C-alpha atoms as a PDB file:
ATOM      1  CA  UNK A   1     -19.697 105.608  -9.596  1.00  0.00           C
ATOM      2  CA  UNK A   2     -21.220 103.949  -6.553  1.00  0.00           C
ATOM      3  CA  UNK A   3     -24.946 104.465  -6.277  1.00  0.00           C
ATOM      4  CA  UNK A   4     -24.938 107.531  -8.480  1.00  0.00           C
ATOM      5  CA  UNK A   5     -28.353 106.879  -9.933  1.00  0.00           C
ATOM      6  CA  UNK A   6     -27.121 107.862 -13.394  1.00  0.00           C
ATOM      7  CA  UNK A   7     -29.884 107.573 -15.989  1.00  0.00           C
ATOM      8  CA  UNK A   8     -32.229 106.049 -13.440  1.00  0.00           C
ATOM      9  CA  UNK A   9     -35.856 106.852 -12.904  1.00  0.00           C
ATOM     10  CA  UNK A  10     -37.103 106.865  -9.335  1.00  0.00           C
ATOM     11  CA  UNK A  11     -38.020 103.321  -8.325  1.00  0.00           C
ATOM     12  CA  UNK A  12     -36.311 101.633 -11.279  1.00  0.00           C
ATOM     13  CA  UNK A  13     -32.968 101.251 -13.005  1.00  0.00           C
ATOM     14  CA  UNK A  14     -31.764 101.708 -16.513  1.00  0.00           C
ATOM     15  CA  UNK A  15     -31.905  98.265 -18.170  1.00  0.00           C
ATOM     16  CA  UNK A  16     -28.920  99.204 -20.349  1.00  0.00           C
ATOM     17  CA  UNK A  17     -26.780  99.274 -17.181  1.00  0.00           C
ATOM     18  CA  UNK A  18     -27.860  95.761 -16.190  1.00  0.00           C
ATOM     19  CA  UNK A  19     -28.407  93.651 -19.313  1.00  0.00           C
ATOM     20  CA  UNK A  20     -28.819  90.415 -17.293  1.00  0.00           C
ATOM     21  CA  UNK A  21     -31.380  91.865 -14.885  1.00  0.00           C
ATOM     22  CA  UNK A  22     -34.971  91.268 -15.911  1.00  0.00           C
ATOM     23  CA  UNK A  23     -38.190  90.442 -14.093  1.00  0.00           C
ATOM     24  CA  UNK A  24     -37.589  86.714 -14.506  1.00  0.00           C
ATOM     25  CA  UNK A  25     -34.250  86.887 -12.675  1.00  0.00           C
ATOM     26  CA  UNK A  26     -34.986  88.850  -9.519  1.00  0.00           C
ATOM     27  CA  UNK A  27     -37.528  89.436  -6.781  1.00  0.00           C
ATOM     28  CA  UNK A  28     -38.057  92.901  -5.319  1.00  0.00           C
ATOM     29  CA  UNK A  29     -37.695  93.206  -1.557  1.00  0.00           C
ATOM     30  CA  UNK A  30     -39.750  95.490   0.645  1.00  0.00           C
ATOM     31  CA  UNK A  31     -37.597  98.559   0.034  1.00  0.00           C
ATOM     32  CA  UNK A  32     -38.299 101.647  -2.001  1.00  0.00           C
ATOM     33  CA  UNK A  33     -35.862 103.728  -4.000  1.00  0.00           C
ATOM     34  CA  UNK A  34     -33.755 105.775  -1.564  1.00  0.00           C
ATOM     35  CA  UNK A  35     -30.415 107.531  -1.229  1.00  0.00           C
ATOM     36  CA  UNK A  36     -30.395 106.950   2.565  1.00  0.00           C
ATOM     37  CA  UNK A  37     -28.216 103.870   2.155  1.00  0.00           C
ATOM     38  CA  UNK A  38     -26.407 102.172  -0.711  1.00  0.00           C
ATOM     39  CA  UNK A  39     -25.195  98.740  -1.769  1.00  0.00           C
ATOM     40  CA  UNK A  40     -22.082  98.944   0.395  1.00  0.00           C
ATOM     41  CA  UNK A  41     -24.073  99.594   3.571  1.00  0.00           C
ATOM     42  CA  UNK A  42     -26.727  97.059   2.555  1.00  0.00           C
ATOM     43  CA  UNK A  43     -24.097  94.348   2.043  1.00  0.00           C
ATOM     44  CA  UNK A  44     -22.744  95.228   5.495  1.00  0.00           C
ATOM     45  CA  UNK A  45     -26.229  94.658   6.892  1.00  0.00           C
ATOM     46  CA  UNK A  46     -27.332  98.234   7.549  1.00  0.00           C
ATOM     47  CA  UNK A  47     -29.929 100.515   6.046  1.00  0.00           C
ATOM     48  CA  UNK A  48     -29.299 103.277   8.587  1.00  0.00           C
ATOM     49  CA  UNK A  49     -26.492 105.069   6.746  1.00  0.00           C
ATOM     50  CA  UNK A  50     -24.775 105.364   3.419  1.00  0.00           C
ATOM     51  CA  UNK A  51     -21.250 103.921   3.148  1.00  0.00           C
ATOM     52  CA  UNK A  52     -19.080 105.919   0.746  1.00  0.00           C
ATOM     53  CA  UNK A  53     -15.312 106.336   0.641  1.00  0.00           C
ATOM     54  CA  UNK A  54     -15.821 110.042  -0.068  1.00  0.00           C
ATOM     55  CA  UNK A  55     -15.875 112.708   2.640  1.00  0.00           C
ATOM     56  CA  UNK A  56     -19.245 113.466   4.163  1.00  0.00           C
ATOM     57  CA  UNK A  57     -20.394 109.822   4.357  1.00  0.00           C
ATOM     58  CA  UNK A  58     -19.710 107.018   6.785  1.00  0.00           C
ATOM     59  CA  UNK A  59     -16.656 104.911   5.951  1.00  0.00           C
ATOM     60  CA  UNK A  60     -14.919 102.443   8.303  1.00  0.00           C
ATOM     61  CA  UNK A  61     -11.949 104.160   9.924  1.00  0.00           C
ATOM     62  CA  UNK A  62      -9.566 101.299   9.048  1.00  0.00           C
ATOM     63  CA  UNK A  63     -10.152 101.603   5.289  1.00  0.00           C
ATOM     64  CA  UNK A  64      -8.579 104.105   2.896  1.00  0.00           C
ATOM     65  CA  UNK A  65     -11.081 106.539   1.401  1.00  0.00           C
ATOM     66  CA  UNK A  66     -10.824 105.367  -2.195  1.00  0.00           C
ATOM     67  CA  UNK A  67     -12.648 103.050  -4.584  1.00  0.00           C
ATOM     68  CA  UNK A  68     -10.009 100.349  -4.796  1.00  0.00           C
ATOM     69  CA  UNK A  69     -10.881  96.734  -4.134  1.00  0.00           C
ATOM     70  CA  UNK A  70      -8.351  96.758  -1.281  1.00  0.00           C
ATOM     71  CA  UNK A  71     -10.174  99.689   0.371  1.00  0.00           C
ATOM     72  CA  UNK A  72     -13.494  97.818   0.134  1.00  0.00           C
ATOM     73  CA  UNK A  73     -11.887  94.675   1.593  1.00  0.00           C
ATOM     74  CA  UNK A  74     -10.529  96.693   4.524  1.00  0.00           C
ATOM     75  CA  UNK A  75     -13.947  98.285   5.040  1.00  0.00           C
ATOM     76  CA  UNK A  76     -15.608  94.881   5.371  1.00  0.00           C
ATOM     77  CA  UNK A  77     -12.760  93.494   7.492  1.00  0.00           C
ATOM     78  CA  UNK A  78     -13.745  96.208   9.986  1.00  0.00           C
ATOM     79  CA  UNK A  79     -17.002  94.279  10.538  1.00  0.00           C
ATOM     80  CA  UNK A  80     -15.252  90.880  10.755  1.00  0.00           C
ATOM     81  CA  UNK A  81     -15.395  89.681   7.152  1.00  0.00           C
ATOM     82  CA  UNK A  82     -12.380  87.753   5.874  1.00  0.00           C
ATOM     83  CA  UNK A  83     -11.402  86.953   2.303  1.00  0.00           C
ATOM     84  CA  UNK A  84     -12.562  83.588   1.000  1.00  0.00           C
ATOM     85  CA  UNK A  85     -12.277  81.648  -2.240  1.00  0.00           C
ATOM     86  CA  UNK A  86     -15.826  81.562  -3.590  1.00  0.00           C
ATOM     87  CA  UNK A  87     -19.472  82.364  -3.133  1.00  0.00           C
ATOM     88  CA  UNK A  88     -20.670  78.858  -2.417  1.00  0.00           C
ATOM     89  CA  UNK A  89     -23.149  78.506   0.428  1.00  0.00           C
ATOM     90  CA  UNK A  90     -21.443  77.514   3.698  1.00  0.00           C
ATOM     91  CA  UNK A  91     -23.426  76.687   6.808  1.00  0.00           C
ATOM     92  CA  UNK A  92     -22.815  79.193   9.590  1.00  0.00           C
ATOM     93  CA  UNK A  93     -21.304  81.864   7.325  1.00  0.00           C
ATOM     94  CA  UNK A  94     -22.609  84.990   5.675  1.00  0.00           C
ATOM     95  CA  UNK A  95     -20.826  85.951   2.468  1.00  0.00           C
ATOM     96  CA  UNK A  96     -20.483  89.065   0.387  1.00  0.00           C
ATOM     97  CA  UNK A  97     -19.221  89.587  -3.140  1.00  0.00           C
ATOM     98  CA  UNK A  98     -17.301  92.695  -4.177  1.00  0.00           C
ATOM     99  CA  UNK A  99     -17.590  93.778  -7.805  1.00  0.00           C
ATOM    100  CA  UNK A 100     -15.129  95.852  -9.797  1.00  0.00           C
ATOM    101  CA  UNK A 101     -14.757  97.310 -13.240  1.00  0.00           C
ATOM    102  CA  UNK A 102     -11.685  98.213 -15.259  1.00  0.00           C
ATOM    103  CA  UNK A 103     -11.669 101.500 -17.150  1.00  0.00           C
ATOM    104  CA  UNK A 104      -8.715 103.302 -18.682  1.00  0.00           C
ATOM    105  CA  UNK A 105      -6.362 100.658 -17.306  1.00  0.00           C
ATOM    106  CA  UNK A 106      -7.507 101.082 -13.693  1.00  0.00           C
ATOM    107  CA  UNK A 107      -9.672  98.771 -11.624  1.00  0.00           C
ATOM    108  CA  UNK A 108     -12.164 100.317  -9.239  1.00  0.00           C
ATOM    109  CA  UNK A 109     -14.686  98.697  -6.922  1.00  0.00           C
ATOM    110  CA  UNK A 110     -18.298  99.351  -7.857  1.00  0.00           C
ATOM    111  CA  UNK A 111     -20.746  97.221  -5.864  1.00  0.00           C
ATOM    112  CA  UNK A 112     -21.263  94.657  -3.121  1.00  0.00           C
ATOM    113  CA  UNK A 113     -23.920  91.939  -2.740  1.00  0.00           C
ATOM    114  CA  UNK A 114     -24.773  89.834   0.318  1.00  0.00           C
ATOM    115  CA  UNK A 115     -25.628  86.140   0.309  1.00  0.00           C
ATOM    116  CA  UNK A 116     -28.858  85.045   1.987  1.00  0.00           C
ATOM    117  CA  UNK A 117     -29.229  81.898   4.112  1.00  0.00           C
ATOM    118  CA  UNK A 118     -30.775  80.006   1.191  1.00  0.00           C
ATOM    119  CA  UNK A 119     -27.825  80.741  -1.124  1.00  0.00           C
ATOM    120  CA  UNK A 120     -29.491  83.475  -3.168  1.00  0.00           C
ATOM    121  CA  UNK A 121     -28.014  86.970  -3.182  1.00  0.00           C
ATOM    122  CA  UNK A 122     -29.414  90.387  -2.312  1.00  0.00           C
ATOM    123  CA  UNK A 123     -28.331  93.757  -3.678  1.00  0.00           C
ATOM    124  CA  UNK A 124     -29.277  97.400  -3.451  1.00  0.00           C
ATOM    125  CA  UNK A 125     -29.312  98.637  -7.032  1.00  0.00           C
ATOM    126  CA  UNK A 126     -27.849 102.165  -6.958  1.00  0.00           C
ATOM    127  CA  UNK A 127     -30.418 104.496  -5.425  1.00  0.00           C
ATOM    128  CA  UNK A 128     -33.190 102.100  -6.415  1.00  0.00           C
ATOM    129  CA  UNK A 129     -34.759  99.071  -4.743  1.00  0.00           C
ATOM    130  CA  UNK A 130     -33.152  96.179  -2.928  1.00  0.00           C
ATOM    131  CA  UNK A 131     -33.591  92.953  -4.864  1.00  0.00           C
ATOM    132  CA  UNK A 132     -33.054  89.236  -4.345  1.00  0.00           C
ATOM    133  CA  UNK A 133     -31.365  87.434  -7.233  1.00  0.00           C
ATOM    134  CA  UNK A 134     -30.432  83.778  -7.792  1.00  0.00           C
ATOM    135  CA  UNK A 135     -26.827  84.420  -8.757  1.00  0.00           C
ATOM    136  CA  UNK A 136     -24.301  87.219  -9.092  1.00  0.00           C
ATOM    137  CA  UNK A 137     -24.359  87.303 -12.887  1.00  0.00           C
ATOM    138  CA  UNK A 138     -27.797  88.915 -12.743  1.00  0.00           C
ATOM    139  CA  UNK A 139     -26.298  92.222 -11.551  1.00  0.00           C
ATOM    140  CA  UNK A 140     -22.791  91.712 -12.913  1.00  0.00           C
ATOM    141  CA  UNK A 141     -21.068  90.803 -16.121  1.00  0.00           C
ATOM    142  CA  UNK A 142     -18.923  92.394 -18.777  1.00  0.00           C
ATOM    143  CA  UNK A 143     -21.583  94.829 -19.971  1.00  0.00           C
ATOM    144  CA  UNK A 144     -22.980  95.584 -16.519  1.00  0.00           C
ATOM    145  CA  UNK A 145     -22.515  98.903 -14.750  1.00  0.00           C
ATOM    146  CA  UNK A 146     -20.959  96.947 -11.860  1.00  0.00           C
ATOM    147  CA  UNK A 147     -18.534  94.748 -13.796  1.00  0.00           C
ATOM    148  CA  UNK A 148     -17.547  91.392 -12.340  1.00  0.00           C
ATOM    149  CA  UNK A 149     -17.052  89.827  -8.930  1.00  0.00           C
ATOM    150  CA  UNK A 150     -13.416  90.162  -7.933  1.00  0.00           C
ATOM    151  CA  UNK A 151     -13.480  89.189  -4.261  1.00  0.00           C
ATOM    152  CA  UNK A 152     -15.588  87.060  -1.926  1.00  0.00           C
ATOM    153  CA  UNK A 153     -15.565  87.520   1.829  1.00  0.00           C
ATOM    154  CA  UNK A 154     -17.255  85.714   4.707  1.00  0.00           C
ATOM    155  CA  UNK A 155     -17.947  86.044   8.423  1.00  0.00           C
ATOM    156  CA  UNK A 156     -19.789  84.041  11.026  1.00  0.00           C
ATOM    157  CA  UNK A 157     -23.511  84.404  10.473  1.00  0.00           C
ATOM    158  CA  UNK A 158     -24.907  86.791  13.052  1.00  0.00           C
END
């Protein structure tokens, strides 16, 4: 599910997967569509590798190789993030939001976004561009490919 690029054209995303994402609600960053890294790596602050819980990709050694929210939390704990209550802007802290979706009675993690110093959020959309968006609902929501935010985490701003 993560970064699969399903139904996506190079350099864009399928608007049906992100009904709240339109040109009025995001700003493109300087990236191009690429499979070199994904949203999980981008939220961790790297564009040098792809983070995937599947074999053949980088995954923090302290995290189980599965798509559970707990596995994603453990992956980000490896780089000093700790769980927190919300995504409000806090001086001195960098926050991430972990998204999940429930299908067939099971919840699986789907995406991660990182908060910028001005309170906006940034995301890598599948294998497409990185974007800046004013809030998390732009890439999430009930009808979104990513589902809803289920966990916030924070660490000291580097």
